[in-house]
C-alpha cells in the first residue's frame, strides 16, 4: 500500500515537472527565444568543452572520426579575433554513434587538457533554420533574395497568411500557454 502511494506521488511529481517544462518552453517561444515550444535539442550532437586553445577543428575531427567517419566538428570561435572559445559541437550521423563517443571521450586527454563531453542542449542551428525560413534571411544576411541553395526563401516565403490565420491563432503560443495552466 505504501509502495503504491509512493509510485503515485512520483508519477504526480513527474507530471507537474512536465507541465512546468512545457509552460517554460511556451514562455520562451512567446519571448522569441525559441522558434517553437515543441522543439528539442538534437540527440546526435555532443557539446565538448575545456578544449586547449591550440586544438583545431581538424584535430578534433580526426579524433572523433573513429566513432563516425562523417562526424561534423565545429570549434566555436570569437567573432572578432577568431580565437577558440575552448568549446565545440560534434554532430554525428546517429544517436548511437554520439552515445559511443560520449562514453569513450568524456574526461579524455586532448592536447594536455582533460575535456568534458556531454549531449548538446543547444537548439541554435534549428533556430537559425527557423529564422531563415520565416524571416527570409539568407546565408549572406539578405532579405530572402538569395537562391534557395543558400538558405534564402525568396520574397514569397514567410509565415502562412489568409485562411491559415484562424488555425495559427488556435495553435498560437498564447493559446498553448493558457492550456498548460
N, C-alpha and C. Protein backbone atom coordinates (compact mmCIF):
# COMPACT_ATOMS: atom_id res chain seq x y z
N UNK A 1 0.83 -1.19 0.00
CA UNK A 1 0.00 0.00 0.00
C UNK A 1 0.87 1.26 0.00
N UNK A 2 1.92 1.27 0.82
CA UNK A 2 2.82 2.43 0.86
C UNK A 2 3.59 2.55 -0.44
N UNK A 3 3.94 1.41 -1.04
CA UNK A 3 4.68 1.43 -2.31
C UNK A 3 3.81 2.01 -3.43
N UNK A 4 2.52 1.70 -3.41
CA UNK A 4 1.60 2.22 -4.42
C UNK A 4 1.46 3.73 -4.26
N UNK A 5 1.35 4.18 -3.00
CA UNK A 5 1.26 5.62 -2.75
C UNK A 5 2.52 6.35 -3.20
N UNK A 6 3.69 5.75 -2.95
CA UNK A 6 4.95 6.36 -3.38
C UNK A 6 5.02 6.43 -4.90
N UNK A 7 4.55 5.37 -5.57
CA UNK A 7 4.54 5.34 -7.04
C UNK A 7 3.63 6.43 -7.59
N UNK A 8 2.44 6.59 -6.99
CA UNK A 8 1.50 7.62 -7.42
C UNK A 8 2.08 9.01 -7.19
N UNK A 9 2.73 9.22 -6.06
CA UNK A 9 3.34 10.50 -5.76
C UNK A 9 4.45 10.83 -6.76
N UNK A 10 5.25 9.82 -7.10
CA UNK A 10 6.33 10.01 -8.06
C UNK A 10 5.77 10.37 -9.44
N UNK A 11 4.73 9.67 -9.88
CA UNK A 11 4.09 9.97 -11.16
C UNK A 11 3.48 11.37 -11.15
N UNK A 12 2.89 11.76 -10.03
CA UNK A 12 2.31 13.09 -9.89
C UNK A 12 3.40 14.16 -10.02
N UNK A 13 4.53 13.97 -9.36
CA UNK A 13 5.63 14.92 -9.42
C UNK A 13 6.20 15.01 -10.84
N UNK A 14 6.28 13.88 -11.53
CA UNK A 14 6.77 13.88 -12.91
C UNK A 14 5.82 14.65 -13.82
N UNK A 15 4.53 14.49 -13.60
CA UNK A 15 3.53 15.21 -14.41
C UNK A 15 3.62 16.72 -14.15
N UNK A 16 3.79 17.11 -12.90
CA UNK A 16 3.95 18.53 -12.58
C UNK A 16 5.20 19.08 -13.26
N UNK A 17 6.31 18.34 -13.19
CA UNK A 17 7.55 18.77 -13.82
C UNK A 17 7.38 18.91 -15.33
N UNK A 18 6.69 17.96 -15.96
CA UNK A 18 6.45 18.01 -17.40
C UNK A 18 5.65 19.25 -17.78
N UNK A 19 4.60 19.55 -17.00
CA UNK A 19 3.78 20.73 -17.28
C UNK A 19 4.56 22.02 -17.07
N UNK A 20 5.40 22.08 -16.04
CA UNK A 20 6.22 23.25 -15.81
C UNK A 20 7.22 23.46 -16.94
N UNK A 21 7.83 22.37 -17.40
CA UNK A 21 8.77 22.46 -18.51
C UNK A 21 8.08 22.97 -19.77
N UNK A 22 6.90 22.45 -20.04
CA UNK A 22 6.14 22.87 -21.21
C UNK A 22 5.76 24.34 -21.09
N UNK A 23 5.35 24.76 -19.91
CA UNK A 23 4.98 26.16 -19.69
C UNK A 23 6.18 27.08 -19.91
N UNK A 24 7.35 26.69 -19.41
CA UNK A 24 8.56 27.49 -19.62
C UNK A 24 8.91 27.59 -21.10
N UNK A 25 8.77 26.47 -21.80
CA UNK A 25 9.08 26.47 -23.24
C UNK A 25 8.14 27.39 -24.00
N UNK A 26 6.86 27.41 -23.64
CA UNK A 26 5.91 28.29 -24.30
C UNK A 26 6.25 29.74 -24.02
N UNK A 27 6.66 30.04 -22.80
CA UNK A 27 7.07 31.42 -22.46
C UNK A 27 8.28 31.82 -23.30
N UNK A 28 9.25 30.92 -23.44
CA UNK A 28 10.43 31.22 -24.26
C UNK A 28 10.03 31.43 -25.72
N UNK A 29 9.03 30.70 -26.19
CA UNK A 29 8.54 30.91 -27.55
C UNK A 29 7.88 32.28 -27.67
N UNK A 30 7.09 32.65 -26.68
CA UNK A 30 6.44 33.97 -26.69
C UNK A 30 7.46 35.10 -26.71
N UNK A 31 8.56 34.90 -26.00
CA UNK A 31 9.60 35.93 -25.94
C UNK A 31 10.48 35.94 -27.18
N UNK A 32 10.32 34.94 -28.03
CA UNK A 32 11.13 34.86 -29.25
C UNK A 32 12.45 34.17 -29.05
N UNK A 33 12.65 33.48 -27.93
CA UNK A 33 13.90 32.77 -27.68
C UNK A 33 13.89 31.35 -28.23
N UNK A 34 12.72 30.83 -28.56
CA UNK A 34 12.60 29.51 -29.18
C UNK A 34 11.67 29.64 -30.38
N UNK A 35 11.98 28.94 -31.49
CA UNK A 35 11.07 29.00 -32.63
C UNK A 35 9.76 28.28 -32.36
N UNK A 36 9.79 27.27 -31.48
CA UNK A 36 8.59 26.50 -31.15
C UNK A 36 8.76 25.91 -29.76
N UNK A 37 7.68 25.86 -29.01
CA UNK A 37 7.74 25.28 -27.66
C UNK A 37 7.97 23.79 -27.72
N UNK A 38 7.70 23.18 -28.86
CA UNK A 38 7.82 21.74 -29.00
C UNK A 38 9.21 21.30 -29.48
N UNK A 39 10.11 22.24 -29.68
CA UNK A 39 11.44 21.93 -30.21
C UNK A 39 12.30 21.28 -29.12
N UNK A 40 13.11 20.33 -29.53
CA UNK A 40 14.04 19.69 -28.60
C UNK A 40 15.42 19.66 -29.24
N UNK A 41 16.43 19.58 -28.41
CA UNK A 41 17.80 19.53 -28.91
C UNK A 41 18.03 18.22 -29.65
N UNK A 42 18.83 18.25 -30.71
CA UNK A 42 19.12 17.00 -31.43
C UNK A 42 19.89 16.03 -30.54
N UNK A 43 19.60 14.75 -30.68
CA UNK A 43 20.22 13.73 -29.83
C UNK A 43 21.54 13.22 -30.38
N UNK A 44 21.92 13.68 -31.57
CA UNK A 44 23.14 13.19 -32.19
C UNK A 44 24.27 14.23 -32.16
N UNK A 45 24.12 15.26 -31.32
CA UNK A 45 25.13 16.32 -31.24
C UNK A 45 25.72 16.35 -29.83
N UNK A 46 27.06 16.36 -29.78
CA UNK A 46 27.76 16.44 -28.50
C UNK A 46 28.34 17.83 -28.30
N UNK A 47 28.34 18.26 -27.05
CA UNK A 47 28.97 19.51 -26.62
C UNK A 47 30.30 19.11 -25.99
N UNK A 48 31.38 19.72 -26.44
CA UNK A 48 32.71 19.38 -25.94
C UNK A 48 33.34 20.66 -25.40
N UNK A 49 33.73 20.65 -24.11
CA UNK A 49 34.30 21.86 -23.54
C UNK A 49 35.63 21.57 -22.84
N UNK A 50 36.26 22.64 -22.39
CA UNK A 50 37.57 22.62 -21.75
C UNK A 50 38.66 22.21 -22.75
N UNK A 51 38.46 22.59 -24.01
CA UNK A 51 39.47 22.30 -25.03
C UNK A 51 40.67 23.22 -24.85
N UNK A 52 41.83 22.75 -25.27
CA UNK A 52 43.02 23.58 -25.32
C UNK A 52 42.85 24.53 -26.50
N UNK A 53 43.31 25.75 -26.35
CA UNK A 53 43.14 26.74 -27.43
C UNK A 53 43.93 26.38 -28.68
N UNK A 54 44.91 25.47 -28.56
CA UNK A 54 45.68 25.06 -29.74
C UNK A 54 44.99 23.93 -30.51
N UNK A 55 43.97 23.32 -29.95
CA UNK A 55 43.24 22.24 -30.62
C UNK A 55 42.48 22.82 -31.81
N UNK A 56 42.60 22.19 -32.97
CA UNK A 56 41.93 22.68 -34.18
C UNK A 56 40.73 21.80 -34.51
N UNK A 57 39.90 22.30 -35.41
CA UNK A 57 38.76 21.54 -35.89
C UNK A 57 39.23 20.21 -36.48
N UNK A 58 40.31 20.27 -37.25
CA UNK A 58 40.83 19.07 -37.90
C UNK A 58 41.32 18.04 -36.87
N UNK A 59 41.97 18.51 -35.80
CA UNK A 59 42.42 17.60 -34.74
C UNK A 59 41.24 16.86 -34.13
N UNK A 60 40.22 17.63 -33.76
CA UNK A 60 39.05 17.04 -33.12
C UNK A 60 38.30 16.12 -34.09
N UNK A 61 38.23 16.53 -35.35
CA UNK A 61 37.58 15.72 -36.38
C UNK A 61 38.29 14.37 -36.50
N UNK A 62 39.60 14.40 -36.53
CA UNK A 62 40.39 13.17 -36.65
C UNK A 62 40.17 12.25 -35.45
N UNK A 63 40.15 12.83 -34.26
CA UNK A 63 39.96 12.04 -33.04
C UNK A 63 38.57 11.41 -32.99
N UNK A 64 37.55 12.18 -33.36
CA UNK A 64 36.18 11.69 -33.27
C UNK A 64 35.77 10.82 -34.46
N UNK A 65 36.55 10.86 -35.53
CA UNK A 65 36.19 10.07 -36.72
C UNK A 65 36.28 8.57 -36.46
N UNK A 66 36.92 8.16 -35.38
CA UNK A 66 36.94 6.73 -35.07
C UNK A 66 35.55 6.22 -34.65
N UNK A 67 34.69 7.14 -34.25
CA UNK A 67 33.32 6.77 -33.88
C UNK A 67 32.36 6.92 -35.05
N UNK A 68 32.67 7.87 -35.96
CA UNK A 68 31.80 8.15 -37.10
C UNK A 68 32.64 8.86 -38.17
N UNK A 69 32.81 8.20 -39.30
CA UNK A 69 33.62 8.78 -40.39
C UNK A 69 33.05 10.12 -40.86
N UNK A 70 31.75 10.30 -40.73
CA UNK A 70 31.09 11.51 -41.25
C UNK A 70 30.83 12.56 -40.17
N UNK A 71 31.52 12.48 -39.05
CA UNK A 71 31.29 13.44 -37.97
C UNK A 71 31.61 14.85 -38.46
N UNK A 72 30.79 15.80 -38.04
CA UNK A 72 30.99 17.21 -38.39
C UNK A 72 31.34 17.95 -37.10
N UNK A 73 32.55 18.50 -37.04
CA UNK A 73 33.05 19.16 -35.83
C UNK A 73 33.20 20.65 -36.08
N UNK A 74 32.77 21.45 -35.11
CA UNK A 74 32.93 22.89 -35.22
C UNK A 74 33.36 23.47 -33.88
N UNK A 75 34.58 23.98 -33.83
CA UNK A 75 35.06 24.67 -32.64
C UNK A 75 34.50 26.09 -32.69
N UNK A 76 33.91 26.54 -31.61
CA UNK A 76 33.31 27.87 -31.56
C UNK A 76 34.43 28.89 -31.33
N UNK A 77 34.39 29.95 -32.13
CA UNK A 77 35.45 30.97 -32.08
C UNK A 77 34.88 32.35 -31.83
N UNK A 78 35.71 33.22 -31.28
CA UNK A 78 35.35 34.62 -31.08
C UNK A 78 35.14 35.26 -32.45
N UNK A 79 34.05 36.00 -32.61
CA UNK A 79 33.73 36.57 -33.92
C UNK A 79 34.74 37.60 -34.38
N UNK A 80 35.32 38.35 -33.46
CA UNK A 80 36.25 39.41 -33.84
C UNK A 80 37.67 38.90 -34.02
N UNK A 81 38.17 38.14 -33.05
CA UNK A 81 39.58 37.72 -33.09
C UNK A 81 39.79 36.38 -33.77
N UNK A 82 38.75 35.56 -33.86
CA UNK A 82 38.90 34.23 -34.44
C UNK A 82 39.53 33.22 -33.49
N UNK A 83 39.80 33.63 -32.27
CA UNK A 83 40.40 32.75 -31.26
C UNK A 83 39.37 31.73 -30.77
N UNK A 84 39.85 30.53 -30.47
CA UNK A 84 38.98 29.48 -29.95
C UNK A 84 38.40 29.90 -28.60
N UNK A 85 37.13 29.60 -28.40
CA UNK A 85 36.48 29.82 -27.11
C UNK A 85 36.55 28.56 -26.25
N UNK A 86 37.32 27.60 -26.70
CA UNK A 86 37.61 26.36 -25.97
C UNK A 86 36.42 25.43 -25.79
N UNK A 87 35.47 25.52 -26.70
CA UNK A 87 34.40 24.52 -26.72
C UNK A 87 33.97 24.28 -28.16
N UNK A 88 33.33 23.14 -28.38
CA UNK A 88 32.96 22.74 -29.74
C UNK A 88 31.68 21.93 -29.72
N UNK A 89 31.13 21.73 -30.90
CA UNK A 89 30.00 20.85 -31.11
C UNK A 89 30.39 19.82 -32.15
N UNK A 90 29.99 18.57 -31.93
CA UNK A 90 30.27 17.50 -32.87
C UNK A 90 28.94 16.84 -33.23
N UNK A 91 28.62 16.87 -34.52
CA UNK A 91 27.36 16.28 -34.99
C UNK A 91 27.66 14.93 -35.65
N UNK A 92 27.05 13.89 -35.11
CA UNK A 92 27.23 12.53 -35.61
C UNK A 92 26.04 12.16 -36.48
N UNK A 93 26.20 11.11 -37.28
CA UNK A 93 25.11 10.70 -38.16
C UNK A 93 23.98 10.01 -37.40
N UNK A 94 24.30 9.37 -36.26
CA UNK A 94 23.26 8.70 -35.48
C UNK A 94 23.44 8.98 -33.99
N UNK A 95 22.37 8.78 -33.26
CA UNK A 95 22.41 8.94 -31.80
C UNK A 95 23.34 7.90 -31.17
N UNK A 96 23.35 6.69 -31.73
CA UNK A 96 24.17 5.61 -31.18
C UNK A 96 25.66 5.94 -31.27
N UNK A 97 26.08 6.51 -32.40
CA UNK A 97 27.48 6.89 -32.57
C UNK A 97 27.85 8.02 -31.62
N UNK A 98 26.93 8.95 -31.42
CA UNK A 98 27.17 10.05 -30.48
C UNK A 98 27.29 9.50 -29.06
N UNK A 99 26.45 8.55 -28.71
CA UNK A 99 26.50 7.94 -27.38
C UNK A 99 27.82 7.21 -27.17
N UNK A 100 28.26 6.49 -28.16
CA UNK A 100 29.53 5.78 -28.06
C UNK A 100 30.68 6.76 -27.86
N UNK A 101 30.69 7.86 -28.61
CA UNK A 101 31.74 8.87 -28.47
C UNK A 101 31.66 9.52 -27.09
N UNK A 102 30.46 9.78 -26.61
CA UNK A 102 30.29 10.38 -25.28
C UNK A 102 30.89 9.47 -24.21
N UNK A 103 30.57 8.19 -24.28
CA UNK A 103 31.05 7.26 -23.25
C UNK A 103 32.57 7.11 -23.27
N UNK A 104 33.17 7.17 -24.44
CA UNK A 104 34.62 6.96 -24.55
C UNK A 104 35.43 8.25 -24.38
N UNK A 105 34.86 9.40 -24.74
CA UNK A 105 35.65 10.64 -24.79
C UNK A 105 35.49 11.56 -23.59
N UNK A 106 34.45 11.37 -22.79
CA UNK A 106 34.28 12.24 -21.62
C UNK A 106 35.47 12.04 -20.68
N UNK A 107 36.10 13.11 -20.31
CA UNK A 107 37.29 13.14 -19.44
C UNK A 107 38.56 12.63 -20.14
N UNK A 108 38.54 12.57 -21.47
CA UNK A 108 39.73 12.16 -22.22
C UNK A 108 40.73 13.32 -22.25
N UNK A 109 41.98 12.99 -22.46
CA UNK A 109 43.05 13.98 -22.51
C UNK A 109 43.37 14.31 -23.96
N UNK A 110 43.16 15.57 -24.35
CA UNK A 110 43.47 16.03 -25.70
C UNK A 110 44.30 17.30 -25.58
N UNK A 111 45.49 17.30 -26.19
CA UNK A 111 46.40 18.45 -26.14
C UNK A 111 46.62 18.93 -24.71
N UNK A 112 46.91 17.99 -23.83
CA UNK A 112 47.20 18.26 -22.41
C UNK A 112 46.05 18.87 -21.63
N UNK A 113 44.82 18.72 -22.12
CA UNK A 113 43.64 19.19 -21.39
C UNK A 113 42.65 18.05 -21.26
N UNK A 114 42.06 17.91 -20.09
CA UNK A 114 41.03 16.90 -19.86
C UNK A 114 39.70 17.51 -20.29
N UNK A 115 39.16 17.00 -21.39
CA UNK A 115 37.93 17.58 -21.94
C UNK A 115 36.70 17.03 -21.23
N UNK A 116 35.61 17.77 -21.33
CA UNK A 116 34.32 17.34 -20.80
C UNK A 116 33.37 17.24 -22.00
N UNK A 117 32.70 16.11 -22.10
CA UNK A 117 31.78 15.85 -23.21
C UNK A 117 30.40 15.59 -22.64
N UNK A 118 29.40 16.20 -23.26
CA UNK A 118 28.01 15.98 -22.85
C UNK A 118 27.13 16.11 -24.08
N UNK A 119 25.88 15.70 -23.96
CA UNK A 119 24.96 15.87 -25.07
C UNK A 119 24.54 17.33 -25.13
N UNK A 120 24.51 17.87 -26.32
CA UNK A 120 24.21 19.28 -26.52
C UNK A 120 22.76 19.59 -26.16
N UNK A 121 22.56 20.72 -25.53
CA UNK A 121 21.21 21.21 -25.23
C UNK A 121 20.84 22.38 -26.14
N UNK A 122 21.75 22.72 -27.03
CA UNK A 122 21.58 23.88 -27.90
C UNK A 122 20.60 23.58 -29.04
N UNK A 123 19.75 24.55 -29.32
CA UNK A 123 18.86 24.47 -30.47
C UNK A 123 19.20 25.59 -31.45
N UNK A 124 20.42 26.12 -31.36
CA UNK A 124 20.82 27.28 -32.16
C UNK A 124 20.70 27.02 -33.66
N UNK A 125 21.15 25.86 -34.14
CA UNK A 125 21.07 25.59 -35.58
C UNK A 125 19.63 25.47 -36.03
N UNK A 126 18.78 24.85 -35.21
CA UNK A 126 17.36 24.75 -35.54
C UNK A 126 16.74 26.14 -35.56
N UNK A 127 17.15 26.99 -34.64
CA UNK A 127 16.65 28.35 -34.55
C UNK A 127 17.09 29.15 -35.78
N UNK A 128 18.34 28.96 -36.22
CA UNK A 128 18.82 29.65 -37.41
C UNK A 128 18.01 29.24 -38.63
N UNK A 129 17.73 27.94 -38.77
CA UNK A 129 16.91 27.48 -39.89
C UNK A 129 15.52 28.10 -39.85
N UNK A 130 14.96 28.18 -38.65
CA UNK A 130 13.63 28.77 -38.49
C UNK A 130 13.64 30.24 -38.92
N UNK A 131 14.65 30.99 -38.47
CA UNK A 131 14.74 32.42 -38.82
C UNK A 131 14.90 32.59 -40.32
N UNK A 132 15.71 31.77 -40.96
CA UNK A 132 15.90 31.87 -42.40
C UNK A 132 14.60 31.59 -43.14
N UNK A 133 13.86 30.60 -42.67
CA UNK A 133 12.64 30.23 -43.36
C UNK A 133 11.55 31.29 -43.20
N UNK A 134 11.34 31.80 -41.98
CA UNK A 134 10.21 32.68 -41.74
C UNK A 134 10.54 34.17 -41.78
N UNK A 135 11.79 34.49 -41.79
CA UNK A 135 12.14 35.91 -41.86
C UNK A 135 12.89 36.24 -43.13
N UNK A 136 13.06 35.21 -43.99
CA UNK A 136 13.65 35.46 -45.29
C UNK A 136 15.15 35.72 -45.26
N UNK A 137 15.83 35.41 -44.17
CA UNK A 137 17.27 35.64 -44.11
C UNK A 137 18.02 34.58 -44.88
N UNK A 138 18.97 34.99 -45.66
CA UNK A 138 19.76 34.05 -46.44
C UNK A 138 21.11 33.84 -45.79
N UNK A 139 21.95 33.08 -46.44
CA UNK A 139 23.27 32.78 -45.90
C UNK A 139 24.15 34.01 -45.82
N UNK A 140 23.84 35.03 -46.62
CA UNK A 140 24.63 36.25 -46.61
C UNK A 140 23.96 37.37 -45.84
N UNK A 141 22.93 37.04 -45.09
CA UNK A 141 22.25 38.06 -44.28
C UNK A 141 21.30 38.92 -45.09
N UNK A 142 20.88 38.45 -46.26
CA UNK A 142 19.99 39.23 -47.11
C UNK A 142 18.56 39.17 -46.63
N UNK A 143 17.66 39.61 -47.50
CA UNK A 143 16.25 39.67 -47.13
C UNK A 143 15.42 38.69 -47.92
N UNK A 144 15.99 37.51 -48.17
CA UNK A 144 15.22 36.49 -48.85
C UNK A 144 15.45 36.46 -50.35
N UNK A 145 16.33 37.26 -50.88
CA UNK A 145 16.54 37.31 -52.32
C UNK A 145 17.56 36.28 -52.80
N UNK A 146 18.30 35.65 -51.88
CA UNK A 146 19.30 34.68 -52.29
C UNK A 146 18.64 33.42 -52.82
N UNK A 147 19.35 32.67 -53.66
CA UNK A 147 18.78 31.42 -54.15
C UNK A 147 18.51 30.45 -53.00
N UNK A 148 17.60 29.51 -53.23
CA UNK A 148 17.21 28.57 -52.18
C UNK A 148 18.40 27.75 -51.67
N UNK A 149 19.39 27.47 -52.52
CA UNK A 149 20.53 26.67 -52.07
C UNK A 149 21.34 27.36 -51.01
N UNK A 150 21.23 28.67 -50.89
CA UNK A 150 21.94 29.41 -49.85
C UNK A 150 21.09 29.62 -48.61
N UNK A 151 19.89 29.14 -48.63
CA UNK A 151 19.04 29.25 -47.44
C UNK A 151 18.01 30.35 -47.53
N UNK A 152 18.07 31.20 -48.54
CA UNK A 152 17.09 32.27 -48.68
C UNK A 152 15.79 31.70 -49.19
N UNK A 153 14.70 32.23 -48.73
CA UNK A 153 13.42 31.70 -49.12
C UNK A 153 12.77 32.44 -50.25
N UNK A 154 13.37 33.51 -50.72
CA UNK A 154 12.75 34.30 -51.76
C UNK A 154 11.70 35.21 -51.16
N UNK A 155 11.24 36.19 -51.92
CA UNK A 155 10.33 37.19 -51.37
C UNK A 155 8.95 36.67 -51.02
N UNK A 156 8.55 35.49 -51.56
CA UNK A 156 7.21 34.98 -51.28
C UNK A 156 7.15 34.09 -50.06
N UNK A 157 8.31 33.72 -49.51
CA UNK A 157 8.30 32.83 -48.34
C UNK A 157 7.96 33.63 -47.09
N UNK A 158 7.39 32.97 -46.12
CA UNK A 158 7.09 33.63 -44.87
C UNK A 158 6.03 32.85 -44.14
N UNK A 159 5.55 33.39 -43.03
CA UNK A 159 4.52 32.69 -42.28
C UNK A 159 3.24 32.57 -43.11
N UNK A 160 2.44 31.56 -42.86
CA UNK A 160 1.18 31.40 -43.60
C UNK A 160 0.28 32.61 -43.43
N UNK A 161 -0.48 32.91 -44.45
CA UNK A 161 -1.39 34.05 -44.43
C UNK A 161 -2.83 33.61 -44.71
N UNK A 162 -3.73 34.54 -44.64
CA UNK A 162 -5.11 34.32 -45.07
C UNK A 162 -5.85 33.31 -44.24
N UNK A 163 -6.34 32.25 -44.90
CA UNK A 163 -7.19 31.24 -44.26
C UNK A 163 -6.49 30.54 -43.10
N UNK A 164 -5.17 30.53 -43.10
CA UNK A 164 -4.44 29.85 -42.05
C UNK A 164 -4.40 30.63 -40.74
N UNK A 165 -4.84 31.87 -40.76
CA UNK A 165 -4.75 32.69 -39.54
C UNK A 165 -5.56 32.12 -38.38
N UNK A 166 -6.76 31.65 -38.66
CA UNK A 166 -7.59 31.08 -37.58
C UNK A 166 -6.92 29.84 -36.99
N UNK A 167 -6.36 29.00 -37.87
CA UNK A 167 -5.66 27.81 -37.38
C UNK A 167 -4.45 28.19 -36.58
N UNK A 168 -3.68 29.18 -37.06
CA UNK A 168 -2.49 29.61 -36.34
C UNK A 168 -2.87 30.22 -34.99
N UNK A 169 -3.97 30.95 -34.92
CA UNK A 169 -4.41 31.53 -33.66
C UNK A 169 -4.77 30.42 -32.68
N UNK A 170 -5.40 29.37 -33.21
CA UNK A 170 -5.78 28.24 -32.37
C UNK A 170 -4.53 27.54 -31.83
N UNK A 171 -3.46 27.44 -32.65
CA UNK A 171 -2.23 26.79 -32.24
C UNK A 171 -1.19 27.79 -31.76
N UNK A 172 -1.60 28.99 -31.42
CA UNK A 172 -0.65 30.03 -31.06
C UNK A 172 0.03 29.72 -29.72
N UNK A 173 1.21 30.29 -29.51
CA UNK A 173 1.89 30.10 -28.22
C UNK A 173 1.04 30.57 -27.04
N UNK A 174 0.30 31.67 -27.26
CA UNK A 174 -0.54 32.17 -26.17
C UNK A 174 -1.61 31.15 -25.80
N UNK A 175 -2.22 30.52 -26.82
CA UNK A 175 -3.25 29.53 -26.56
C UNK A 175 -2.65 28.31 -25.87
N UNK A 176 -1.48 27.84 -26.32
CA UNK A 176 -0.84 26.70 -25.67
C UNK A 176 -0.46 27.02 -24.25
N UNK A 177 -0.04 28.25 -23.98
CA UNK A 177 0.31 28.65 -22.62
C UNK A 177 -0.92 28.59 -21.73
N UNK A 178 -2.05 29.09 -22.24
CA UNK A 178 -3.29 29.04 -21.44
C UNK A 178 -3.68 27.60 -21.12
N UNK A 179 -3.46 26.70 -22.09
CA UNK A 179 -3.82 25.29 -21.88
C UNK A 179 -2.96 24.61 -20.84
N UNK A 180 -1.73 25.09 -20.64
CA UNK A 180 -0.85 24.45 -19.64
C UNK A 180 -1.16 24.91 -18.23
N UNK A 181 -1.94 25.94 -18.09
CA UNK A 181 -2.26 26.47 -16.77
C UNK A 181 -3.40 25.72 -16.12
